[in-house]
């Protein structure tokens, strides 16, 4: 079974993290880990940026 494109998975993960962050059950938790949902969202933003740069580089070098 082929894998979906990575940029689609990154966008889906960002959407899910945002839904978790705004979910009332999550907001009601007294949860303060060392790494936060915001950290995960930032990591995914960096990954998406890297994917976009890689795509631009590959399009230029073709």
Protein backbone atom coordinates (compact mmCIF):
# COMPACT_ATOMS: atom_id res chain seq x y z
CA UNK A 1 0.00 0.00 0.00
CA UNK A 2 1.53 3.34 -1.01
CA UNK A 3 2.06 6.03 1.58
CA UNK A 4 0.22 9.36 1.27
CA UNK A 5 2.41 12.34 0.40
CA UNK A 6 4.35 13.59 3.42
CA UNK A 7 3.06 17.16 3.12
CA UNK A 8 -0.51 15.84 3.40
CA UNK A 9 0.39 13.95 6.58
CA UNK A 10 2.08 17.04 8.04
CA UNK A 11 -0.99 19.17 7.35
CA UNK A 12 -3.24 16.51 8.90
CA UNK A 13 -1.02 16.31 11.99
CA UNK A 14 -1.07 20.10 12.36
CA UNK A 15 -4.87 20.06 12.10
CA UNK A 16 -5.19 17.31 14.71
CA UNK A 17 -2.81 19.06 17.12
CA UNK A 18 -4.84 22.24 16.80
CA UNK A 19 -8.06 20.33 17.47
CA UNK A 20 -6.49 18.78 20.57
CA UNK A 21 -5.26 22.17 21.81
CA UNK A 22 -8.73 23.73 21.62
CA UNK A 23 -10.64 20.69 22.87
CA UNK A 24 -12.43 21.47 26.16
CA UNK A 25 -11.34 18.16 27.72
CA UNK A 26 -7.71 18.96 26.98
CA UNK A 27 -8.04 22.52 28.23
CA UNK A 28 -9.61 21.24 31.45
CA UNK A 29 -6.54 19.11 32.24
CA UNK A 30 -3.94 20.43 34.62
CA UNK A 31 -1.27 19.23 32.23
CA UNK A 32 2.10 20.97 31.96
CA UNK A 33 4.64 18.73 30.22
CA UNK A 34 8.16 19.82 29.29
CA UNK A 35 7.20 19.69 25.60
CA UNK A 36 3.87 21.19 24.62
CA UNK A 37 1.46 20.95 21.74
CA UNK A 38 2.90 24.27 20.61
CA UNK A 39 6.34 22.66 20.45
CA UNK A 40 4.94 19.88 18.27
CA UNK A 41 3.20 22.42 16.03
CA UNK A 42 6.47 24.32 15.66
CA UNK A 43 8.33 21.12 14.76
CA UNK A 44 5.73 20.36 12.09
CA UNK A 45 6.03 23.91 10.73
CA UNK A 46 9.79 23.43 10.40
CA UNK A 47 9.24 20.10 8.68
CA UNK A 48 6.73 21.63 6.26
CA UNK A 49 9.16 24.45 5.49
CA UNK A 50 11.91 21.91 4.81
CA UNK A 51 9.60 19.94 2.51
CA UNK A 52 8.71 23.12 0.60
CA UNK A 53 12.37 24.09 0.25
CA UNK A 54 13.24 20.58 -0.92
CA UNK A 55 10.41 20.71 -3.48
CA UNK A 56 11.62 24.08 -4.78
CA UNK A 57 15.20 22.79 -5.01
CA UNK A 58 14.10 19.66 -6.89
CA UNK A 59 12.00 21.70 -9.30
CA UNK A 60 14.91 24.02 -10.04
CA UNK A 61 17.39 21.20 -10.56
CA UNK A 62 15.10 19.23 -12.93
